[in-house]
Amino acid sequence: MPKKISIKPYIILTAGGTGGHVFPALSVFQKLKNDFEICFICDERAKKFIQSSNHELDIYTLYSSTMSGSIYKKIICLIKLLY
C-alpha cells in the first residue's frame, strides 16, 4: 500500500522588534506548530528575542526603521529600505 504523504498548510508569522509583539507571536507558534509549517518574518531586534527563546523556527529578517527625526535620518532610512 502506498505511503500517504501529508502536506501541512503554511503560515507566515510576523512581529515587530519588541517583546510585546514577539512573545504573543511565539505563543501562536507554539499552538499551531504541530498542524502547520511556520516561518517567522521580523526585524533584527525581534530576531534576538526569538533566538533566545530556543524555538525551532525558520526566521527571515527584514530591515525596518521609523521615519522620525531629522531630514538626514529620513533620507538614510529610505536608502536602507531601498537597498
N, C-alpha and C. Protein backbone atom coordinates (compact mmCIF):
# COMPACT_ATOMS: atom_id res chain seq x y z
N MET A 1 0.85 -1.17 0.00
CA MET A 1 0.00 0.00 0.00
C MET A 1 0.90 1.24 0.00
N PRO A 2 0.64 2.23 -0.87
CA PRO A 2 1.48 3.43 -0.91
C PRO A 2 1.37 4.24 0.38
N LYS A 3 2.48 4.82 0.71
CA LYS A 3 2.53 5.66 1.91
C LYS A 3 1.85 7.00 1.62
N LYS A 4 0.98 7.43 2.52
CA LYS A 4 0.28 8.70 2.34
C LYS A 4 1.20 9.85 2.76
N ILE A 5 1.34 10.83 1.89
CA ILE A 5 2.17 12.00 2.18
C ILE A 5 1.26 13.11 2.70
N SER A 6 1.63 13.62 3.85
CA SER A 6 0.82 14.71 4.41
C SER A 6 1.54 16.04 4.17
N ILE A 7 0.81 16.98 3.63
CA ILE A 7 1.35 18.30 3.38
C ILE A 7 0.63 19.27 4.31
N LYS A 8 1.40 19.89 5.18
CA LYS A 8 0.81 20.84 6.12
C LYS A 8 0.63 22.20 5.45
N PRO A 9 -0.45 22.90 5.81
CA PRO A 9 -0.60 24.28 5.34
C PRO A 9 0.54 25.14 5.89
N TYR A 10 0.85 26.20 5.17
CA TYR A 10 1.97 27.07 5.51
C TYR A 10 1.47 28.38 6.09
N ILE A 11 2.06 28.81 7.20
CA ILE A 11 1.70 30.07 7.84
C ILE A 11 2.95 30.93 8.00
N ILE A 12 2.80 32.21 7.73
CA ILE A 12 3.88 33.17 7.96
C ILE A 12 3.47 34.06 9.12
N LEU A 13 4.27 34.06 10.18
CA LEU A 13 4.04 34.94 11.31
C LEU A 13 4.98 36.13 11.19
N THR A 14 4.50 37.30 11.56
CA THR A 14 5.35 38.49 11.55
C THR A 14 5.19 39.22 12.88
N ALA A 15 6.24 39.91 13.28
CA ALA A 15 6.17 40.71 14.51
C ALA A 15 7.26 41.77 14.45
N GLY A 16 6.99 42.88 15.12
CA GLY A 16 7.96 43.97 15.23
C GLY A 16 9.05 43.60 16.22
N GLY A 17 9.83 44.58 16.59
CA GLY A 17 11.03 44.31 17.37
C GLY A 17 10.90 44.32 18.86
N THR A 18 9.70 44.41 19.39
CA THR A 18 9.58 44.45 20.85
C THR A 18 9.00 43.15 21.37
N GLY A 19 9.27 42.87 22.62
CA GLY A 19 8.74 41.66 23.25
C GLY A 19 7.22 41.64 23.24
N GLY A 20 6.60 42.83 23.29
CA GLY A 20 5.15 42.91 23.27
C GLY A 20 4.54 42.41 21.98
N HIS A 21 5.33 42.35 20.92
CA HIS A 21 4.87 41.79 19.65
C HIS A 21 5.37 40.36 19.47
N VAL A 22 6.60 40.12 19.89
CA VAL A 22 7.24 38.83 19.64
C VAL A 22 6.65 37.71 20.50
N PHE A 23 6.49 37.94 21.79
CA PHE A 23 6.05 36.86 22.68
C PHE A 23 4.64 36.37 22.35
N PRO A 24 3.67 37.24 22.01
CA PRO A 24 2.38 36.70 21.56
C PRO A 24 2.51 35.88 20.27
N ALA A 25 3.36 36.32 19.35
CA ALA A 25 3.56 35.56 18.11
C ALA A 25 4.18 34.19 18.40
N LEU A 26 5.09 34.13 19.36
CA LEU A 26 5.68 32.84 19.75
C LEU A 26 4.64 31.94 20.40
N SER A 27 3.70 32.51 21.12
CA SER A 27 2.60 31.71 21.70
C SER A 27 1.72 31.12 20.60
N VAL A 28 1.46 31.92 19.58
CA VAL A 28 0.70 31.42 18.43
C VAL A 28 1.47 30.28 17.76
N PHE A 29 2.77 30.47 17.59
CA PHE A 29 3.62 29.43 17.01
C PHE A 29 3.51 28.12 17.81
N GLN A 30 3.61 28.21 19.13
CA GLN A 30 3.53 27.02 19.99
C GLN A 30 2.21 26.28 19.78
N LYS A 31 1.13 27.04 19.65
CA LYS A 31 -0.19 26.43 19.49
C LYS A 31 -0.36 25.76 18.13
N LEU A 32 0.24 26.33 17.09
CA LEU A 32 0.00 25.86 15.73
C LEU A 32 1.09 24.97 15.14
N LYS A 33 2.23 24.87 15.80
CA LYS A 33 3.40 24.22 15.18
C LYS A 33 3.19 22.76 14.78
N ASN A 34 2.30 22.05 15.43
CA ASN A 34 2.10 20.64 15.09
C ASN A 34 1.22 20.45 13.84
N ASP A 35 0.42 21.45 13.52
CA ASP A 35 -0.52 21.32 12.41
C ASP A 35 -0.14 22.12 11.17
N PHE A 36 0.87 23.00 11.29
CA PHE A 36 1.24 23.89 10.18
C PHE A 36 2.75 23.99 10.04
N GLU A 37 3.20 24.26 8.82
CA GLU A 37 4.58 24.68 8.58
C GLU A 37 4.59 26.18 8.83
N ILE A 38 5.52 26.66 9.65
CA ILE A 38 5.50 28.06 10.04
C ILE A 38 6.87 28.69 9.85
N CYS A 39 6.88 29.88 9.28
CA CYS A 39 8.10 30.69 9.25
C CYS A 39 7.79 32.02 9.91
N PHE A 40 8.83 32.71 10.31
CA PHE A 40 8.69 33.95 11.06
C PHE A 40 9.46 35.04 10.35
N ILE A 41 8.81 36.17 10.08
CA ILE A 41 9.46 37.31 9.46
C ILE A 41 9.48 38.44 10.48
N CYS A 42 10.67 39.00 10.70
CA CYS A 42 10.80 40.04 11.73
C CYS A 42 12.00 40.93 11.42
N ASP A 43 12.25 41.89 12.29
CA ASP A 43 13.45 42.71 12.15
C ASP A 43 14.54 42.16 13.07
N GLU A 44 15.71 42.79 13.05
CA GLU A 44 16.85 42.31 13.83
C GLU A 44 16.57 42.29 15.34
N ARG A 45 15.83 43.28 15.82
CA ARG A 45 15.53 43.33 17.26
C ARG A 45 14.69 42.12 17.67
N ALA A 46 13.68 41.80 16.89
CA ALA A 46 12.81 40.66 17.20
C ALA A 46 13.57 39.34 17.10
N LYS A 47 14.49 39.27 16.15
CA LYS A 47 15.26 38.04 15.96
C LYS A 47 16.02 37.67 17.23
N LYS A 48 16.51 38.67 17.96
CA LYS A 48 17.22 38.40 19.21
C LYS A 48 16.30 37.76 20.25
N PHE A 49 15.06 38.24 20.34
CA PHE A 49 14.09 37.64 21.27
C PHE A 49 13.80 36.19 20.88
N ILE A 50 13.60 35.97 19.60
CA ILE A 50 13.23 34.64 19.12
C ILE A 50 14.36 33.65 19.34
N GLN A 51 15.57 34.04 18.99
CA GLN A 51 16.71 33.15 19.16
C GLN A 51 16.96 32.81 20.62
N SER A 52 16.71 33.75 21.52
CA SER A 52 16.93 33.49 22.94
C SER A 52 15.82 32.62 23.53
N SER A 53 14.71 32.46 22.81
CA SER A 53 13.60 31.65 23.32
C SER A 53 13.75 30.17 23.01
N ASN A 54 14.75 29.81 22.22
CA ASN A 54 15.05 28.41 21.87
C ASN A 54 13.92 27.71 21.12
N HIS A 55 13.13 28.44 20.35
CA HIS A 55 12.12 27.83 19.50
C HIS A 55 12.79 27.43 18.19
N GLU A 56 12.45 26.24 17.70
CA GLU A 56 12.96 25.82 16.39
C GLU A 56 12.03 26.40 15.34
N LEU A 57 12.48 27.49 14.74
CA LEU A 57 11.62 28.25 13.85
C LEU A 57 12.46 28.85 12.72
N ASP A 58 11.95 28.76 11.49
CA ASP A 58 12.62 29.42 10.36
C ASP A 58 12.41 30.91 10.51
N ILE A 59 13.51 31.67 10.58
CA ILE A 59 13.43 33.11 10.79
C ILE A 59 14.00 33.84 9.58
N TYR A 60 13.25 34.80 9.07
CA TYR A 60 13.70 35.67 7.99
C TYR A 60 13.64 37.10 8.51
N THR A 61 14.71 37.85 8.30
CA THR A 61 14.74 39.21 8.83
C THR A 61 14.65 40.24 7.70
N LEU A 62 13.98 41.33 8.01
CA LEU A 62 13.86 42.47 7.12
C LEU A 62 14.39 43.70 7.83
N TYR A 63 14.88 44.64 7.07
CA TYR A 63 15.30 45.91 7.67
C TYR A 63 14.05 46.73 7.96
N SER A 64 14.02 47.35 9.11
CA SER A 64 12.89 48.24 9.42
C SER A 64 13.43 49.45 10.18
N SER A 65 12.68 50.52 10.12
CA SER A 65 13.09 51.75 10.79
C SER A 65 11.89 52.66 10.92
N THR A 66 11.99 53.62 11.82
CA THR A 66 10.95 54.62 11.93
C THR A 66 11.31 55.80 11.03
N MET A 67 10.31 56.56 10.67
CA MET A 67 10.54 57.72 9.82
C MET A 67 10.55 59.00 10.66
N SER A 68 11.05 58.93 11.87
CA SER A 68 11.09 60.11 12.72
C SER A 68 12.50 60.70 12.73
N GLY A 69 12.60 61.89 13.24
CA GLY A 69 13.90 62.54 13.34
C GLY A 69 14.14 63.56 12.25
N SER A 70 15.40 63.89 12.08
CA SER A 70 15.79 64.93 11.12
C SER A 70 15.61 64.46 9.68
N ILE A 71 15.66 65.37 8.77
CA ILE A 71 15.57 65.04 7.34
C ILE A 71 16.71 64.11 6.94
N TYR A 72 17.88 64.28 7.53
CA TYR A 72 19.02 63.40 7.26
C TYR A 72 18.68 61.96 7.64
N LYS A 73 18.10 61.75 8.82
CA LYS A 73 17.74 60.41 9.27
C LYS A 73 16.67 59.80 8.36
N LYS A 74 15.75 60.62 7.89
CA LYS A 74 14.70 60.13 6.99
C LYS A 74 15.29 59.69 5.66
N ILE A 75 16.23 60.43 5.15
CA ILE A 75 16.89 60.05 3.88
C ILE A 75 17.66 58.75 4.05
N ILE A 76 18.40 58.63 5.14
CA ILE A 76 19.16 57.39 5.41
C ILE A 76 18.20 56.21 5.52
N CYS A 77 17.09 56.40 6.21
CA CYS A 77 16.09 55.35 6.36
C CYS A 77 15.57 54.90 4.99
N LEU A 78 15.23 55.84 4.13
CA LEU A 78 14.74 55.50 2.79
C LEU A 78 15.79 54.75 1.98
N ILE A 79 17.01 55.17 2.07
CA ILE A 79 18.10 54.50 1.34
C ILE A 79 18.23 53.06 1.82
N LYS A 80 18.20 52.84 3.14
CA LYS A 80 18.34 51.49 3.68
C LYS A 80 17.15 50.62 3.27
N LEU A 81 15.95 51.18 3.23
CA LEU A 81 14.79 50.41 2.83
C LEU A 81 14.84 50.00 1.36
N LEU A 82 15.45 50.85 0.53
CA LEU A 82 15.53 50.55 -0.90
C LEU A 82 16.66 49.58 -1.24
N TYR A 83 17.68 49.52 -0.41
CA TYR A 83 18.83 48.65 -0.72
C TYR A 83 19.04 47.69 0.34
